[in-house]
Protein backbone atom coordinates (compact mmCIF):
# COMPACT_ATOMS: atom_id res chain seq x y z
CA MET A 1 0.00 0.00 0.00
CA THR A 2 1.23 3.48 -0.88
CA SER A 3 1.65 5.92 1.99
CA LEU A 4 0.43 9.48 1.75
CA LEU A 5 4.01 10.78 1.80
CA ASP A 6 4.79 8.73 -1.32
CA TRP A 7 2.43 11.04 -3.24
CA ARG A 8 4.53 14.18 -2.50
CA VAL A 9 6.75 13.58 -5.55
CA GLU A 10 3.68 13.92 -7.77
CA PHE A 11 3.33 17.59 -6.75
CA PRO A 12 6.42 19.53 -7.96
CA ILE A 13 5.83 22.61 -5.79
CA LEU A 14 6.14 20.51 -2.62
CA ALA A 15 9.84 20.00 -3.34
CA THR A 16 10.46 23.68 -2.63
CA CYS A 17 7.90 24.65 -0.01
CA THR A 18 5.05 23.66 2.25
CA TYR A 19 1.97 24.57 0.22
CA LEU A 20 -1.19 25.07 2.26
CA ILE A 21 -3.59 26.85 -0.12
CA SER A 22 -5.72 23.87 -1.05
CA ASN A 23 -8.88 26.03 -1.06
CA SER A 24 -7.80 27.90 -4.18
CA LEU A 25 -5.05 26.80 -6.54
CA GLY A 26 -3.97 23.62 -4.81
CA ALA A 27 -0.65 22.01 -5.55
CA MET A 28 -0.78 20.80 -9.15
CA PRO A 29 -0.04 17.11 -9.73
CA ARG A 30 2.44 16.17 -12.47
CA ALA A 31 -0.29 14.28 -14.35
CA VAL A 32 -2.09 17.57 -14.95
CA TYR A 33 0.55 18.59 -17.49
CA ASP A 34 -0.40 15.66 -19.71
CA LYS A 35 -4.13 16.32 -19.27
CA LEU A 36 -3.70 20.00 -20.14
CA ARG A 37 -1.71 19.04 -23.24
CA GLU A 38 -4.45 16.56 -24.19
CA TYR A 39 -7.11 19.26 -23.66
CA ALA A 40 -5.16 21.73 -25.80
CA ASP A 41 -4.65 19.11 -28.53
CA THR A 42 -8.39 18.38 -28.53
CA TRP A 43 -9.16 22.10 -28.74
CA GLY A 44 -6.57 22.54 -31.49
CA THR A 45 -7.85 19.66 -33.62
CA LEU A 46 -11.61 19.72 -32.97
CA GLY A 47 -12.23 23.35 -32.03
CA VAL A 48 -15.82 23.95 -30.98
CA ARG A 49 -16.75 20.39 -31.97
CA ALA A 50 -14.95 19.19 -28.81
CA TRP A 51 -18.05 20.12 -26.81
CA GLY A 52 -20.12 17.40 -28.43
CA GLN A 53 -17.82 15.05 -30.34
CA PRO A 54 -16.20 12.20 -28.40
CA HIS A 55 -12.42 12.22 -28.66
CA ALA A 56 -10.01 9.38 -27.89
CA ASP A 57 -11.25 7.59 -24.75
CA ASN A 58 -12.50 10.81 -23.19
CA PRO A 59 -15.95 12.25 -22.62
CA THR A 60 -17.08 15.23 -24.62
CA TRP A 61 -16.48 18.57 -22.93
CA TRP A 62 -20.23 18.71 -22.08
CA GLU A 63 -19.89 15.38 -20.24
CA LEU A 64 -16.62 16.19 -18.49
CA LYS A 65 -18.05 17.69 -15.28
CA GLY A 66 -20.21 14.61 -14.74
CA ALA A 67 -17.35 12.24 -15.56
CA VAL A 68 -15.13 13.94 -12.97
CA GLY A 69 -18.04 13.84 -10.53
CA ASP A 70 -18.40 10.10 -11.10
CA ASN A 71 -14.70 9.67 -10.29
CA ILE A 72 -14.97 11.47 -6.95
CA ALA A 73 -18.47 10.30 -5.96
CA PRO A 74 -17.15 7.15 -4.21
CA LEU A 75 -14.88 9.33 -2.06
CA MET A 76 -18.02 11.07 -0.79
CA GLY A 77 -20.15 7.96 -0.54
CA ALA A 78 -22.38 9.33 -3.30
CA PRO A 79 -23.97 7.26 -6.05
CA ALA A 80 -22.81 7.53 -9.66
CA LYS A 81 -24.40 10.32 -11.71
CA SER A 82 -25.14 12.37 -8.56
CA VAL A 83 -22.04 14.63 -8.40
CA LEU A 84 -21.10 17.45 -10.78
CA VAL A 85 -17.87 19.40 -10.53
CA HIS A 86 -17.90 23.11 -11.33
CA GLU A 87 -15.19 25.67 -11.94
CA ASN A 88 -15.52 27.18 -8.47
CA ALA A 89 -17.82 27.47 -5.47
CA SER A 90 -19.36 30.73 -6.70
CA ILE A 91 -20.67 29.09 -9.87
CA ALA A 92 -21.88 26.06 -7.91
CA ASN A 93 -23.68 28.38 -5.45
CA SER A 94 -25.31 30.25 -8.33
CA ILE A 95 -26.60 26.99 -9.77
CA LEU A 96 -27.89 25.91 -6.37
CA ILE A 97 -29.66 29.23 -5.71
CA SER A 98 -31.23 29.16 -9.19
CA ALA A 99 -32.81 25.79 -8.38
CA LEU A 100 -34.46 26.87 -5.14
CA ASP A 101 -38.13 27.78 -4.84
CA PHE A 102 -38.47 31.20 -3.22
CA SER A 103 -42.26 31.42 -3.54
CA ASP A 104 -42.79 31.02 0.24
CA THR A 105 -42.41 34.65 1.29
CA LYS A 106 -42.40 33.70 4.99
CA ARG A 107 -39.04 31.98 4.50
CA ASN A 108 -37.21 35.07 3.40
CA LYS A 109 -33.72 34.87 4.87
CA ILE A 110 -30.37 33.54 3.71
CA VAL A 111 -27.68 33.21 6.38
CA ILE A 112 -24.03 33.62 5.45
CA SER A 113 -20.87 34.10 7.48
CA ASP A 114 -18.43 36.99 7.48
CA GLN A 115 -15.81 34.34 6.61
CA ASP A 116 -17.45 33.36 3.31
CA PHE A 117 -15.41 34.08 0.21
CA PRO A 118 -16.49 37.45 -1.33
CA SER A 119 -17.41 36.03 -4.74
CA ASP A 120 -19.54 33.36 -3.05
CA VAL A 121 -21.43 36.05 -1.14
CA TYR A 122 -21.86 38.09 -4.32
CA SER A 123 -23.12 35.15 -6.39
CA VAL A 124 -25.66 34.21 -3.72
CA THR A 125 -26.93 37.70 -2.91
CA ARG A 126 -27.24 38.81 -6.54
CA SER A 127 -29.34 35.76 -7.39
CA LEU A 128 -31.99 36.30 -4.74
CA PRO A 129 -35.49 37.62 -5.42
CA PRO A 130 -36.31 41.05 -3.92
CA HIS A 131 -38.25 39.71 -0.89
CA MET A 132 -35.20 37.79 0.38
CA HIS A 133 -32.72 39.33 2.76
CA VAL A 134 -29.27 38.25 3.84
CA GLU A 135 -28.17 37.90 7.44
CA ILE A 136 -24.43 37.90 7.98
CA VAL A 137 -23.32 35.95 11.04
CA ARG A 138 -20.15 37.32 12.59
CA SER A 139 -17.50 34.70 13.26
CA GLN A 140 -15.48 34.61 16.45
CA ASP A 141 -12.45 34.18 14.22
CA HIS A 142 -13.11 37.41 12.35
CA ASP A 143 -10.92 39.64 14.48
């Protein structure tokens, strides 16, 4: 069995520093270089057709978010076809908010924290209907 430390060599930046920003641009694995090259080759050869035309053994670009979700679903104990990966949390929040039913005007509050990432707050608050208001809960860690 491979230990967690054995994986360090797969992340070039870890050879020069301790990298703790996994919430944003996490340490990039070596295998990403090949995947980015493959993506660029697909874009270069298929252009816009890459969205809908299968290429090599890969899903179309439309199917890619679901395919990645299927790969990580077992890590979360989720069934296949139930996880989608998005570019960032702000986009995922926007999608979530757009799917909610805000017709019950008695339930008119969204609670966020003063520690939430600014673009997440923006994407949520700008998607709300006029009768909704936002309550910001102050964190003890804020100061």
